[in-house]
């Protein structure tokens, strides 16, 4: 019966945690217990859809959202933009200021996360679009109509979904000690890009560069290494969606569980 944001923010902000005993199920269903522990995928999806329906239908006028604004429709639109840079002028049913207000509300509720471009101190990065993620992949999949792992693996959204899942887990693994960014610049041979940069202010601004890949055999592209060289980042690794880590190459290729453990250990050494 609650009608305002103060009653829902704490509940909605429960994020996806580090991978559980069954990381694939956790990835599919997300971190809310009512979804993760549901009897089957269908009931899990229904739980998430009901949660979203109730949450996005509430009154957020005190946060600048008109009662008639289609917040649920906007969340669906943002879900289709997941892991991409957000163009605030590209939404066909919301004006720029309406979109900004809605994104602000969704961020306050803990539903989405925005990453700024690195380096944040430059005028160039200040003008760059921010990268947007749905924090809980269970809610992302509910919005996109993805019910099972089979459907997820066949979906074109799988890359962005894993990027969202891994990004959230790695940021949470910093335990508040690290700031998160992304890097994207035009290079001589295409686009130089780092999916996730973690910066640790208490360690003299130490930077960690992370490339995120679906599939245990996929490796980082040249643009990742170019970005690392441009920013002088030596601490770098790839995180893939497989279940084992590969330390045989100079740039380690880690499963998400190993990557979370590495970042957590680094954070505690601050």
Protein backbone atom coordinates (compact mmCIF):
# COMPACT_ATOMS: atom_id res chain seq x y z
CA UNK A 1 0.00 0.00 0.00
CA UNK A 2 3.02 2.28 0.16
CA UNK A 3 2.79 5.15 -2.30
CA UNK A 4 6.16 6.85 -2.12
CA UNK A 5 9.84 6.11 -2.71
CA UNK A 6 10.77 6.01 0.98
CA UNK A 7 8.84 2.75 1.36
CA UNK A 8 10.39 0.94 -1.58
CA UNK A 9 13.95 2.16 -1.95
CA UNK A 10 15.49 -0.22 0.58
CA UNK A 11 13.67 -3.23 -0.86
CA UNK A 12 14.34 -2.34 -4.47
CA UNK A 13 18.01 -1.64 -3.89
CA UNK A 14 18.87 -5.24 -2.98
CA UNK A 15 21.57 -5.94 -5.60
CA UNK A 16 22.76 -9.15 -7.18
CA UNK A 17 25.49 -10.54 -4.95
CA UNK A 18 28.59 -12.52 -5.88
CA UNK A 19 27.93 -15.81 -7.65
CA UNK A 20 26.21 -18.49 -5.58
CA UNK A 21 26.63 -22.29 -5.68
CA UNK A 22 24.75 -22.26 -8.98
CA UNK A 23 26.02 -19.13 -10.77
CA UNK A 24 24.05 -19.79 -13.96
CA UNK A 25 20.77 -19.90 -12.06
CA UNK A 26 21.77 -16.79 -10.14
CA UNK A 27 22.61 -15.04 -13.40
CA UNK A 28 19.24 -16.01 -14.90
CA UNK A 29 17.01 -15.26 -11.91
CA UNK A 30 18.96 -12.51 -10.17
CA UNK A 31 19.60 -11.97 -6.48
CA UNK A 32 16.14 -11.45 -4.96
CA UNK A 33 15.40 -14.49 -2.76
CA UNK A 34 11.78 -14.72 -3.90
CA UNK A 35 13.02 -15.14 -7.46
CA UNK A 36 16.23 -17.10 -6.90
CA UNK A 37 14.63 -19.70 -4.63
CA UNK A 38 11.40 -20.13 -6.62
CA UNK A 39 10.24 -23.66 -7.39
CA UNK A 40 10.86 -23.32 -11.13
CA UNK A 41 11.79 -20.78 -13.80
CA UNK A 42 8.19 -19.94 -14.62
CA UNK A 43 7.32 -19.08 -11.02
CA UNK A 44 10.55 -17.15 -10.67
CA UNK A 45 9.75 -15.05 -13.73
CA UNK A 46 6.21 -14.41 -12.49
CA UNK A 47 7.57 -13.23 -9.12
CA UNK A 48 9.91 -10.75 -10.82
CA UNK A 49 7.23 -9.45 -13.16
CA UNK A 50 4.84 -8.87 -10.27
CA UNK A 51 7.57 -7.06 -8.37
CA UNK A 52 8.32 -4.80 -11.32
CA UNK A 53 4.64 -4.15 -12.01
CA UNK A 54 4.03 -3.06 -8.42
CA UNK A 55 7.22 -1.06 -8.08
CA UNK A 56 6.98 0.86 -11.35
CA UNK A 57 3.29 1.68 -10.93
CA UNK A 58 3.82 3.60 -7.70
CA UNK A 59 3.63 7.34 -7.21
CA UNK A 60 6.98 9.10 -7.68
CA UNK A 61 5.73 12.65 -8.22
CA UNK A 62 7.88 13.90 -5.34
CA UNK A 63 10.88 12.73 -7.36
CA UNK A 64 9.75 14.65 -10.46
CA UNK A 65 7.83 11.89 -12.27
CA UNK A 66 4.32 12.75 -13.47
CA UNK A 67 1.62 10.25 -12.48
CA UNK A 68 0.82 9.53 -16.14
CA UNK A 69 4.45 8.92 -17.15
CA UNK A 70 4.93 5.32 -18.45
CA UNK A 71 7.76 4.35 -16.09
CA UNK A 72 7.29 0.61 -16.73
CA UNK A 73 7.52 1.18 -20.48
CA UNK A 74 10.66 3.25 -19.99
CA UNK A 75 12.26 0.51 -17.88
CA UNK A 76 11.58 -1.90 -20.75
CA UNK A 77 13.18 0.54 -23.18
CA UNK A 78 16.24 0.91 -20.95
CA UNK A 79 16.48 -2.89 -20.63
CA UNK A 80 16.89 -3.03 -24.39
CA UNK A 81 19.69 -0.44 -24.06
CA UNK A 82 21.40 -2.44 -21.31
CA UNK A 83 25.23 -2.15 -21.24
CA UNK A 84 25.17 0.55 -23.94
CA UNK A 85 25.87 4.27 -23.69
CA UNK A 86 22.64 6.12 -22.99
CA UNK A 87 21.54 8.72 -25.54
CA UNK A 88 19.14 10.97 -23.66
CA UNK A 89 17.65 12.25 -26.91
CA UNK A 90 16.83 8.88 -28.44
CA UNK A 91 13.68 7.84 -26.54
CA UNK A 92 10.63 8.19 -28.76
CA UNK A 93 8.04 8.59 -25.99
CA UNK A 94 9.91 10.71 -23.42
CA UNK A 95 11.46 14.14 -23.62
CA UNK A 96 15.06 14.55 -22.53
CA UNK A 97 14.21 15.98 -19.12
CA UNK A 98 11.54 13.34 -18.53
CA UNK A 99 14.05 10.63 -19.35
CA UNK A 100 16.66 12.13 -17.03
CA UNK A 101 14.14 12.31 -14.19
CA UNK A 102 13.02 8.73 -14.77
CA UNK A 103 16.60 7.42 -14.88
CA UNK A 104 17.28 9.29 -11.63
CA UNK A 105 14.31 7.56 -9.96
CA UNK A 106 15.29 4.12 -11.25
CA UNK A 107 18.83 4.68 -10.04
CA UNK A 108 17.63 5.76 -6.59
CA UNK A 109 15.51 2.62 -6.40
CA UNK A 110 18.59 0.50 -7.08
CA UNK A 111 17.28 -0.84 -10.39
CA UNK A 112 19.94 0.63 -12.65
CA UNK A 113 23.57 1.67 -12.43
CA UNK A 114 25.39 4.23 -14.51
CA UNK A 115 29.12 4.23 -15.25
CA UNK A 116 30.98 7.38 -16.21
CA UNK A 117 33.67 7.46 -18.88
CA UNK A 118 37.29 7.47 -17.72
CA UNK A 119 39.29 9.62 -17.13
CA UNK A 120 36.62 11.60 -15.28
CA UNK A 121 38.76 14.72 -14.92
CA UNK A 122 39.00 15.43 -18.64
CA UNK A 123 36.61 17.68 -20.57
CA UNK A 124 36.28 14.96 -23.19
CA UNK A 125 35.01 12.35 -20.75
CA UNK A 126 32.69 14.86 -19.07
CA UNK A 127 30.89 15.26 -22.41
CA UNK A 128 30.63 11.51 -22.99
CA UNK A 129 27.42 9.54 -22.60
CA UNK A 130 27.22 7.36 -19.52
CA UNK A 131 26.95 3.59 -19.72
CA UNK A 132 23.77 2.12 -18.24
CA UNK A 133 23.13 -1.29 -16.67
CA UNK A 134 20.14 -3.01 -15.09
CA UNK A 135 21.75 -4.07 -11.81
CA UNK A 136 19.81 -7.27 -11.16
CA UNK A 137 19.88 -9.54 -14.21
CA UNK A 138 16.76 -11.35 -13.04
CA UNK A 139 14.84 -8.09 -13.47
CA UNK A 140 16.58 -7.49 -16.77
CA UNK A 141 15.52 -10.90 -18.06
CA UNK A 142 11.96 -10.42 -16.78
CA UNK A 143 11.76 -7.16 -18.71
CA UNK A 144 13.12 -8.83 -21.85
CA UNK A 145 10.92 -11.95 -21.54
CA UNK A 146 13.82 -14.37 -20.96
CA UNK A 147 12.51 -17.23 -18.82
CA UNK A 148 15.10 -20.02 -19.06
CA UNK A 149 18.83 -20.50 -19.49
CA UNK A 150 18.18 -22.02 -22.92
CA UNK A 151 16.40 -18.86 -24.03
CA UNK A 152 19.14 -16.69 -22.51
CA UNK A 153 21.91 -18.55 -24.32
CA UNK A 154 20.09 -18.13 -27.64
CA UNK A 155 19.30 -14.46 -27.06
CA UNK A 156 21.14 -11.56 -28.65
CA UNK A 157 20.98 -9.92 -25.23
CA UNK A 158 23.32 -12.47 -23.64
CA UNK A 159 26.47 -10.38 -24.07
CA UNK A 160 25.00 -7.31 -22.39
CA UNK A 161 23.38 -9.49 -19.76
CA UNK A 162 26.66 -11.10 -18.72
CA UNK A 163 28.38 -7.72 -18.77
CA UNK A 164 25.70 -6.39 -16.43
CA UNK A 165 25.92 -9.44 -14.14
CA UNK A 166 29.71 -9.41 -13.93
CA UNK A 167 29.99 -5.64 -13.58
CA UNK A 168 27.64 -5.57 -10.61
CA UNK A 169 29.38 -8.49 -8.89
CA UNK A 170 32.83 -6.96 -9.35
CA UNK A 171 31.77 -3.52 -8.14
CA UNK A 172 30.20 -5.05 -5.03
CA UNK A 173 33.40 -7.04 -4.46
CA UNK A 174 35.29 -3.76 -3.90
CA UNK A 175 33.25 -3.35 -0.69
CA UNK A 176 33.01 0.39 -1.31
CA UNK A 177 36.77 0.81 -1.77
CA UNK A 178 36.69 1.13 -5.57
CA UNK A 179 35.13 3.53 -8.07
CA UNK A 180 33.85 2.10 -11.36
CA UNK A 181 34.19 3.51 -14.89
CA UNK A 182 34.47 2.43 -18.51
CA UNK A 183 36.79 3.59 -21.29
CA UNK A 184 36.04 4.12 -24.96
CA UNK A 185 38.06 6.16 -27.42
CA UNK A 186 38.62 6.14 -31.17
CA UNK A 187 41.97 4.54 -31.90
CA UNK A 188 44.12 4.22 -34.98
CA UNK A 189 42.67 0.80 -35.84
CA UNK A 190 39.12 1.17 -34.59
CA UNK A 191 37.69 1.66 -31.13
CA UNK A 192 39.80 1.26 -28.00
CA UNK A 193 37.59 0.04 -25.18
CA UNK A 194 37.81 -1.23 -21.61
CA UNK A 195 34.54 -2.68 -20.31
CA UNK A 196 35.21 -1.93 -16.65
CA UNK A 197 37.86 0.10 -14.85
CA UNK A 198 38.05 -0.09 -11.08
CA UNK A 199 39.95 2.71 -9.36
CA UNK A 200 41.10 2.44 -5.75
CA UNK A 201 41.69 5.93 -4.27
CA UNK A 202 43.11 4.55 -1.01
CA UNK A 203 45.85 2.78 -3.01
CA UNK A 204 47.13 5.89 -4.75
CA UNK A 205 44.55 5.72 -7.50
CA UNK A 206 45.45 2.18 -8.52
CA UNK A 207 43.61 1.09 -11.67
CA UNK A 208 42.39 -2.37 -12.68
CA UNK A 209 41.20 -2.96 -16.25
CA UNK A 210 38.70 -5.74 -16.92
CA UNK A 211 37.39 -7.18 -20.18
CA UNK A 212 34.09 -9.09 -20.01
CA UNK A 213 33.36 -11.97 -22.39
CA UNK A 214 30.60 -14.54 -22.85
CA UNK A 215 32.20 -17.94 -23.44
CA UNK A 216 35.34 -19.38 -21.81
CA UNK A 217 37.39 -19.32 -25.01
CA UNK A 218 36.94 -15.71 -26.04
CA UNK A 219 39.91 -13.38 -25.59
CA UNK A 220 40.29 -9.63 -25.30
CA UNK A 221 40.55 -7.68 -28.54
CA UNK A 222 43.36 -5.33 -29.50
CA UNK A 223 41.30 -2.33 -28.42
CA UNK A 224 41.41 -3.52 -24.80
CA UNK A 225 45.20 -3.62 -24.80
CA UNK A 226 45.40 -0.26 -26.58
CA UNK A 227 43.21 1.26 -23.88
CA UNK A 228 45.35 -0.25 -21.12
CA UNK A 229 48.49 1.14 -22.75
CA UNK A 230 46.94 4.59 -23.19
CA UNK A 231 46.01 4.71 -19.50
CA UNK A 232 49.17 2.90 -18.34
CA UNK A 233 47.22 0.09 -16.64
CA UNK A 234 49.29 -3.00 -15.95
CA UNK A 235 46.77 -4.74 -13.67
CA UNK A 236 44.42 -6.26 -16.25
CA UNK A 237 42.47 -9.47 -16.80
CA UNK A 238 39.57 -11.00 -18.72
CA UNK A 239 36.42 -12.28 -17.02
CA UNK A 240 34.48 -14.93 -18.94
CA UNK A 241 31.20 -16.79 -18.36
CA UNK A 242 32.85 -20.20 -17.99
CA UNK A 243 33.58 -22.05 -14.75
CA UNK A 244 37.40 -22.27 -14.63
CA UNK A 245 40.28 -19.81 -14.60
CA UNK A 246 43.19 -19.87 -17.04
CA UNK A 247 46.46 -18.47 -15.67
CA UNK A 248 48.64 -19.75 -18.52
CA UNK A 249 48.80 -16.41 -20.38
CA UNK A 250 50.23 -13.05 -19.25
CA UNK A 251 46.69 -11.62 -19.11
CA UNK A 252 44.74 -14.06 -16.95
CA UNK A 253 41.33 -15.26 -18.09
CA UNK A 254 39.18 -15.71 -15.02
CA UNK A 255 35.77 -17.14 -14.30
CA UNK A 256 33.58 -14.69 -12.39
CA UNK A 257 33.99 -16.43 -9.03
CA UNK A 258 37.80 -16.15 -9.27
CA UNK A 259 37.58 -12.54 -10.46
CA UNK A 260 35.32 -11.56 -7.55
CA UNK A 261 37.76 -13.19 -5.12
CA UNK A 262 40.69 -11.32 -6.67
CA UNK A 263 38.98 -7.94 -6.44
CA UNK A 264 37.80 -8.61 -2.89
CA UNK A 265 41.35 -9.48 -1.82
CA UNK A 266 42.74 -6.39 -3.51
CA UNK A 267 40.11 -4.21 -1.82
CA UNK A 268 40.94 -5.52 1.64
CA UNK A 269 44.61 -4.69 1.14
CA UNK A 270 43.76 -0.97 1.03
